[in-house]
Amino acid sequence: MKNDYFSFLKLSFLQTIKNYNSMKKSFFMAMAFATVMVSCTSTTDELAGLESLTSEAAGTINSYVANNFPDASIVLSKVSNNTVVTELNTGEQVFFNTNGIVISYSNNATKGLMADSLGLVCDSAHNDSTHFGHKDGKGKHGDKGGKHGGKDGGRHGNDSTQTGVHHGHDRYFKNEISIDSLPAEINGYISTNYSGYKVIHAETDTICEGVVTEVMVALATAQPVKLVFDASNVYLLKAERFEYANVPTAVSVAVSNHYSTYTAMKKCEILSLNDGSINYLVYLKSTDTRKKVTIKADGSISCEK
């Protein structure tokens, strides 16, 4: 019985040591994990996107973009040095603080934009390191959505790999086209009529006039001008962002009469057609629906999408 008692004590002691070692190992693993987490979350370089902010701040940013850039959408966001950088699918960037208050705006036109035959571009300030997931200026381009999760977006066209060109963001829309593959007629029109402007974005779209090519050109840090060309590359119109509060009374009355359950976004677009007439493209939203309505200066409705 005495031997059995001492054997029991010995086994209990060994089990206690084993449990202690296991607990110590778990403790150090937990400490190591915490250290990694702290080191990851304390960096000021590209912490995360809007999901790292409070829901109020993220909502404020989304609302600002929706109201002031209704023709664009956020495709990427990052938090860096307490600044939220949002990149729009148009190539423009809007900077906010972490409370969602706007700080500044850039269309990237001043940085010397570059593009390859598959699009997109970035400014020279980001050519030295990883920028939005493309390291050392390399990016594989396909047709389907990539790691950033954008609809219809991601890697760029035809499964080729481009090197030596650093891309601002992955493809997010099937209708986006390369800015250095624009037809000669369009480039000629821009060179003649918008000398000094840089093309920052191009895409195809369907508007009242049918299938068109829309090209955004910009000077300095001003918001870009959108030039629209028909299927034969003939110039149709110029579109510029415009305060909805300043539209003619006939236009706002038409919105009130025909779309009383909708709210107009803060910005619309003023359309200067090649025949000299003026239309207004108004962006409307309700609880679960959005519309784009083209209205003539006299209040008659031309088109609704």
Protein backbone atom coordinates (compact mmCIF):
# COMPACT_ATOMS: atom_id res chain seq x y z
CA MET A 1 0.00 0.00 0.00
CA LYS A 2 2.87 2.35 0.88
CA ASN A 3 4.53 1.78 -2.52
CA ASP A 4 1.23 2.36 -4.27
CA TYR A 5 0.82 5.64 -2.38
CA PHE A 6 4.27 6.92 -3.41
CA SER A 7 3.66 5.82 -7.01
CA PHE A 8 0.45 7.81 -6.98
CA LEU A 9 2.25 10.91 -5.65
CA LYS A 10 4.96 10.54 -8.29
CA LEU A 11 2.43 10.30 -11.11
CA SER A 12 0.52 13.29 -9.74
CA PHE A 13 3.73 15.34 -9.55
CA LEU A 14 4.72 14.44 -13.13
CA GLN A 15 1.25 15.31 -14.38
CA THR A 16 1.42 18.68 -12.59
CA ILE A 17 4.77 19.43 -14.26
CA LYS A 18 3.35 18.43 -17.63
CA ASN A 19 0.30 20.66 -17.13
CA TYR A 20 2.56 23.55 -16.09
CA ASN A 21 4.73 23.19 -19.18
CA SER A 22 1.64 23.04 -21.37
CA MET A 23 0.23 26.16 -19.74
CA LYS A 24 3.57 27.95 -20.09
CA LYS A 25 3.75 27.03 -23.77
CA SER A 26 0.21 28.28 -24.34
CA PHE A 27 1.03 31.47 -22.47
CA PHE A 28 4.08 32.22 -24.62
CA MET A 29 2.14 31.39 -27.79
CA ALA A 30 -0.56 33.81 -26.71
CA MET A 31 2.03 36.47 -25.95
CA ALA A 32 3.67 35.94 -29.33
CA PHE A 33 0.32 36.21 -31.09
CA ALA A 34 -0.48 39.39 -29.18
CA THR A 35 2.90 40.82 -30.14
CA VAL A 36 2.25 40.07 -33.79
CA MET A 37 -1.20 41.63 -33.58
CA VAL A 38 0.17 44.75 -31.90
CA SER A 39 2.96 45.07 -34.43
CA CYS A 40 0.45 44.71 -37.28
CA THR A 41 -2.08 47.13 -35.91
CA SER A 42 0.37 49.76 -34.75
CA THR A 43 1.85 50.36 -38.18
CA THR A 44 0.69 53.51 -39.92
CA ASP A 45 1.15 52.10 -43.40
CA GLU A 46 -1.99 50.77 -45.08
CA LEU A 47 -3.68 49.43 -41.96
CA ALA A 48 -7.02 48.64 -43.49
CA GLY A 49 -9.93 50.11 -45.36
CA LEU A 50 -13.13 51.68 -44.16
CA GLU A 51 -13.89 48.59 -42.09
CA SER A 52 -11.25 49.73 -39.58
CA LEU A 53 -13.21 52.90 -38.83
CA THR A 54 -16.30 53.39 -36.72
CA SER A 55 -19.52 52.75 -38.58
CA GLU A 56 -20.36 56.45 -38.22
CA ALA A 57 -17.08 57.55 -39.85
CA ALA A 58 -17.35 54.99 -42.64
CA GLY A 59 -20.94 56.06 -43.27
CA THR A 60 -19.90 59.71 -43.42
CA ILE A 61 -17.24 58.92 -46.02
CA ASN A 62 -19.58 56.82 -48.14
CA SER A 63 -22.24 59.54 -47.99
CA TYR A 64 -19.75 62.24 -48.98
CA VAL A 65 -18.60 60.29 -52.02
CA ALA A 66 -22.16 59.41 -53.03
CA ASN A 67 -23.26 63.04 -52.82
CA ASN A 68 -20.22 64.72 -54.34
CA PHE A 69 -19.07 62.06 -56.80
CA PRO A 70 -22.33 60.36 -57.82
CA ASP A 71 -20.79 59.27 -61.12
CA ALA A 72 -18.01 57.40 -59.30
CA SER A 73 -17.56 54.83 -56.54
CA ILE A 74 -14.90 53.85 -54.02
CA VAL A 75 -12.82 50.93 -55.21
CA LEU A 76 -10.07 50.99 -52.60
CA SER A 77 -9.47 52.56 -49.23
CA LYS A 78 -6.62 52.52 -46.75
CA VAL A 79 -5.78 54.13 -43.43
CA SER A 80 -2.32 55.65 -43.32
CA ASN A 81 -0.95 58.07 -40.73
CA ASN A 82 -4.48 58.72 -39.43
CA THR A 83 -5.59 59.66 -42.92
CA VAL A 84 -8.16 57.66 -44.87
CA VAL A 85 -7.25 57.49 -48.55
CA THR A 86 -10.15 56.56 -50.81
CA GLU A 87 -9.51 55.84 -54.48
CA LEU A 88 -12.42 56.16 -56.87
CA ASN A 89 -12.90 54.03 -59.97
CA THR A 90 -12.27 57.21 -61.98
CA GLY A 91 -8.66 57.37 -60.76
CA GLU A 92 -9.43 60.26 -58.41
CA GLN A 93 -8.57 60.21 -54.72
CA VAL A 94 -10.32 61.82 -51.75
CA PHE A 95 -8.59 62.08 -48.38
CA PHE A 96 -10.43 62.08 -45.04
CA ASN A 97 -9.48 62.04 -41.39
CA THR A 98 -10.51 59.01 -39.33
CA ASN A 99 -13.71 60.79 -38.28
CA GLY A 100 -14.79 60.94 -41.91
CA ILE A 101 -14.14 64.66 -42.42
CA VAL A 102 -12.78 65.48 -45.87
CA ILE A 103 -9.22 66.84 -45.99
CA SER A 104 -8.27 67.13 -49.64
CA TYR A 105 -8.80 65.90 -53.18
CA SER A 106 -6.50 64.77 -55.98
CA ASN A 107 -7.16 63.64 -59.52
CA ASN A 108 -3.53 62.39 -59.84
CA ALA A 109 -3.08 64.39 -63.04
CA THR A 110 -0.11 66.30 -61.65
CA LYS A 111 2.00 63.21 -60.97
CA GLY A 112 2.73 62.07 -64.49
CA LEU A 113 0.28 59.27 -65.17
CA MET A 114 1.43 56.10 -66.85
CA ALA A 115 -0.57 53.29 -68.44
CA ASP A 116 0.00 50.08 -70.30
CA SER A 117 -2.12 48.54 -73.02
CA LEU A 118 -4.40 47.01 -70.40
CA GLY A 119 -4.87 50.12 -68.27
CA LEU A 120 -4.68 51.47 -65.34
CA VAL A 121 -2.36 53.94 -64.03
CA CYS A 122 -0.84 55.48 -61.04
CA ASP A 123 1.17 58.51 -60.20
CA SER A 124 4.94 58.50 -60.00
CA ALA A 125 4.88 58.88 -56.24
CA HIS A 126 3.92 55.21 -55.83
CA ASN A 127 6.36 53.59 -58.21
CA ASP A 128 8.92 52.53 -55.61
CA SER A 129 7.01 50.04 -53.51
CA THR A 130 3.87 48.00 -53.07
CA HIS A 131 0.77 49.99 -53.92
CA PHE A 132 -2.65 48.47 -53.45
CA GLY A 133 -1.44 44.94 -53.81
CA HIS A 134 0.93 45.19 -56.80
CA LYS A 135 4.54 44.80 -55.79
CA ASP A 136 7.43 46.23 -57.80
CA GLY A 137 5.14 47.38 -60.55
CA LYS A 138 4.03 43.90 -61.53
CA GLY A 139 0.47 42.83 -61.95
CA LYS A 140 -1.25 39.90 -63.53
CA HIS A 141 -4.31 40.91 -65.46
CA GLY A 142 -7.39 38.83 -66.09
CA ASP A 143 -11.05 39.49 -66.63
CA LYS A 144 -12.50 38.43 -63.31
CA GLY A 145 -12.61 40.02 -59.89
CA GLY A 146 -9.42 40.06 -57.93
CA LYS A 147 -8.25 40.19 -54.38
CA HIS A 148 -9.77 43.55 -53.62
CA GLY A 149 -13.26 42.20 -54.15
CA GLY A 150 -14.58 44.75 -56.61
CA LYS A 151 -17.50 43.72 -58.73
CA ASP A 152 -16.44 42.67 -62.21
CA GLY A 153 -13.03 43.82 -61.18
CA GLY A 154 -9.62 42.67 -60.37
CA ARG A 155 -6.92 41.54 -62.62
CA HIS A 156 -6.60 43.08 -66.00
CA GLY A 157 -7.44 41.40 -69.26
CA ASN A 158 -6.25 38.44 -71.31
CA ASP A 159 -4.14 36.70 -68.65
CA SER A 160 -0.97 38.51 -69.59
CA THR A 161 1.57 39.74 -67.10
CA GLN A 162 2.84 43.29 -67.31
CA THR A 163 6.07 44.42 -65.67
CA GLY A 164 7.66 47.81 -65.24
CA VAL A 165 4.35 49.68 -64.96
CA HIS A 166 2.82 50.31 -61.58
CA HIS A 167 -0.95 50.22 -61.41
CA GLY A 168 -3.12 52.47 -59.27
CA HIS A 169 -5.84 49.86 -58.78
CA ASP A 170 -7.23 46.65 -60.23
CA ARG A 171 -10.00 46.56 -62.80
CA TYR A 172 -13.39 46.92 -61.19
CA PHE A 173 -15.75 47.35 -64.10
CA LYS A 174 -15.94 45.52 -67.38
CA ASN A 175 -16.65 48.78 -69.18
CA GLU A 176 -13.36 50.38 -68.15
CA ILE A 177 -10.88 50.65 -71.03
CA SER A 178 -7.20 51.40 -71.40
CA ILE A 179 -6.40 55.07 -71.68
CA ASP A 180 -3.50 54.51 -74.05
CA SER A 181 -5.57 52.49 -76.51
CA LEU A 182 -8.05 55.27 -77.26
CA PRO A 183 -8.78 55.73 -80.98
CA ALA A 184 -6.79 58.31 -82.89
CA GLU A 185 -9.93 60.39 -83.49
CA ILE A 186 -10.51 60.77 -79.74
CA ASN A 187 -6.86 61.53 -79.00
CA GLY A 188 -6.86 64.07 -81.81
CA TYR A 189 -9.93 65.83 -80.45
CA ILE A 190 -8.40 66.01 -76.96
CA SER A 191 -5.05 67.31 -78.26
CA THR A 192 -6.75 70.03 -80.29
CA ASN A 193 -9.37 71.14 -77.80
CA TYR A 194 -7.86 70.25 -74.41
CA SER A 195 -4.16 70.90 -74.84
CA GLY A 196 -2.26 70.24 -71.61
CA TYR A 197 -4.98 68.04 -70.12
CA LYS A 198 -4.16 64.49 -69.09
CA VAL A 199 -6.48 61.54 -69.56
CA ILE A 200 -7.08 59.89 -66.18
CA HIS A 201 -9.88 57.46 -66.99
CA ALA A 202 -11.87 56.02 -69.89
CA GLU A 203 -14.84 53.69 -70.15
CA THR A 204 -17.72 52.71 -72.36
CA ASP A 205 -21.29 53.47 -71.32
CA THR A 206 -24.84 53.49 -72.63
CA ILE A 207 -26.62 56.83 -72.44
CA CYS A 208 -29.56 58.47 -74.24
CA GLU A 209 -27.47 58.71 -77.38
CA GLY A 210 -26.55 55.01 -77.30
CA VAL A 211 -23.21 53.29 -76.68
CA VAL A 212 -20.47 55.84 -76.10
CA THR A 213 -16.88 56.24 -74.95
CA GLU A 214 -16.45 58.50 -71.94
CA VAL A 215 -13.00 59.98 -71.33
CA MET A 216 -12.10 61.96 -68.24
CA VAL A 217 -9.41 64.62 -68.72
CA ALA A 218 -7.96 66.87 -66.05
CA LEU A 219 -5.69 69.81 -65.32
CA ALA A 220 -3.89 70.23 -61.99
CA THR A 221 -6.11 69.20 -59.06
CA ALA A 222 -9.43 70.44 -60.43
CA GLN A 223 -12.17 67.90 -60.86
CA PRO A 224 -11.96 66.36 -64.32
CA VAL A 225 -14.02 67.06 -67.39
CA LYS A 226 -15.80 64.12 -69.01
CA LEU A 227 -15.76 64.05 -72.81
CA VAL A 228 -18.25 61.77 -74.52
CA PHE A 229 -17.84 60.28 -78.02
CA ASP A 230 -20.27 58.18 -80.04
CA ALA A 231 -19.65 54.71 -81.46
CA SER A 232 -17.87 56.30 -84.45
CA ASN A 233 -15.60 58.28 -82.11
CA VAL A 234 -17.33 61.56 -82.96
CA TYR A 235 -17.50 64.09 -80.13
CA LEU A 236 -20.99 64.38 -78.61
CA LEU A 237 -20.82 66.36 -75.39
CA LYS A 238 -18.88 67.55 -72.37
CA ALA A 239 -20.01 66.66 -68.84
CA GLU A 240 -18.92 68.52 -65.71
CA ARG A 241 -19.96 68.01 -62.10
CA PHE A 242 -22.36 70.71 -61.02
CA GLU A 243 -24.18 71.70 -57.82
CA TYR A 244 -27.75 70.46 -57.97
CA ALA A 245 -28.77 73.51 -55.93
CA ASN A 246 -27.78 75.67 -58.90
CA VAL A 247 -29.77 73.93 -61.64
CA PRO A 248 -32.49 75.97 -63.40
CA THR A 249 -35.81 76.09 -61.61
CA ALA A 250 -37.44 74.18 -64.46
CA VAL A 251 -35.11 71.25 -63.80
CA SER A 252 -35.70 71.09 -60.04
CA VAL A 253 -39.45 71.43 -60.59
CA ALA A 254 -39.36 68.51 -63.03
CA VAL A 255 -37.57 66.40 -60.40
CA SER A 256 -40.16 67.35 -57.76
CA ASN A 257 -43.08 66.62 -60.07
CA HIS A 258 -41.88 63.32 -61.52
CA TYR A 259 -39.68 61.92 -58.73
CA SER A 260 -41.25 63.17 -55.52
CA THR A 261 -40.23 60.05 -53.59
CA TYR A 262 -36.56 60.47 -54.54
CA THR A 263 -33.79 62.65 -53.17
CA ALA A 264 -31.38 64.38 -55.52
CA MET A 265 -27.67 63.98 -54.85
CA LYS A 266 -25.75 67.14 -54.02
CA LYS A 267 -23.86 67.03 -57.32
CA CYS A 268 -25.30 66.47 -60.77
CA GLU A 269 -23.67 66.87 -64.18
CA ILE A 270 -24.14 69.73 -66.59
CA LEU A 271 -24.01 68.40 -70.15
CA SER A 272 -22.84 70.74 -72.91
CA LEU A 273 -23.89 69.12 -76.20
CA ASN A 274 -22.11 69.69 -79.50
CA ASP A 275 -25.19 71.49 -80.84
CA GLY A 276 -24.86 74.14 -78.13
CA SER A 277 -27.77 72.94 -75.98
CA ILE A 278 -27.51 72.23 -72.25
CA ASN A 279 -28.89 69.24 -70.37
CA TYR A 280 -28.59 68.19 -66.73
CA LEU A 281 -27.89 64.65 -65.59
CA VAL A 282 -29.45 64.34 -62.15
CA TYR A 283 -28.64 61.47 -59.77
CA LEU A 284 -31.58 60.39 -57.62
CA LYS A 285 -31.92 57.92 -54.77
CA SER A 286 -34.69 56.42 -52.71
CA THR A 287 -34.47 53.82 -49.97
CA ASP A 288 -33.50 50.99 -52.31
CA THR A 289 -33.44 52.50 -55.81
CA ARG A 290 -31.17 54.83 -57.74
CA LYS A 291 -31.87 56.61 -61.00
CA LYS A 292 -30.00 58.78 -63.48
CA VAL A 293 -32.29 61.23 -65.25
CA THR A 294 -31.26 63.54 -68.09
CA ILE A 295 -33.34 66.72 -68.10
CA LYS A 296 -33.27 69.56 -70.62
CA ALA A 297 -32.88 73.15 -69.44
CA ASP A 298 -36.60 73.71 -70.03
CA GLY A 299 -37.50 70.89 -67.67
CA SER A 300 -38.44 68.23 -70.23
CA ILE A 301 -37.06 64.78 -69.49
CA SER A 302 -34.79 63.27 -72.15
CA CYS A 303 -33.77 59.97 -70.65
CA GLU A 304 -34.01 57.86 -67.51
CA LYS A 305 -31.80 54.98 -66.43
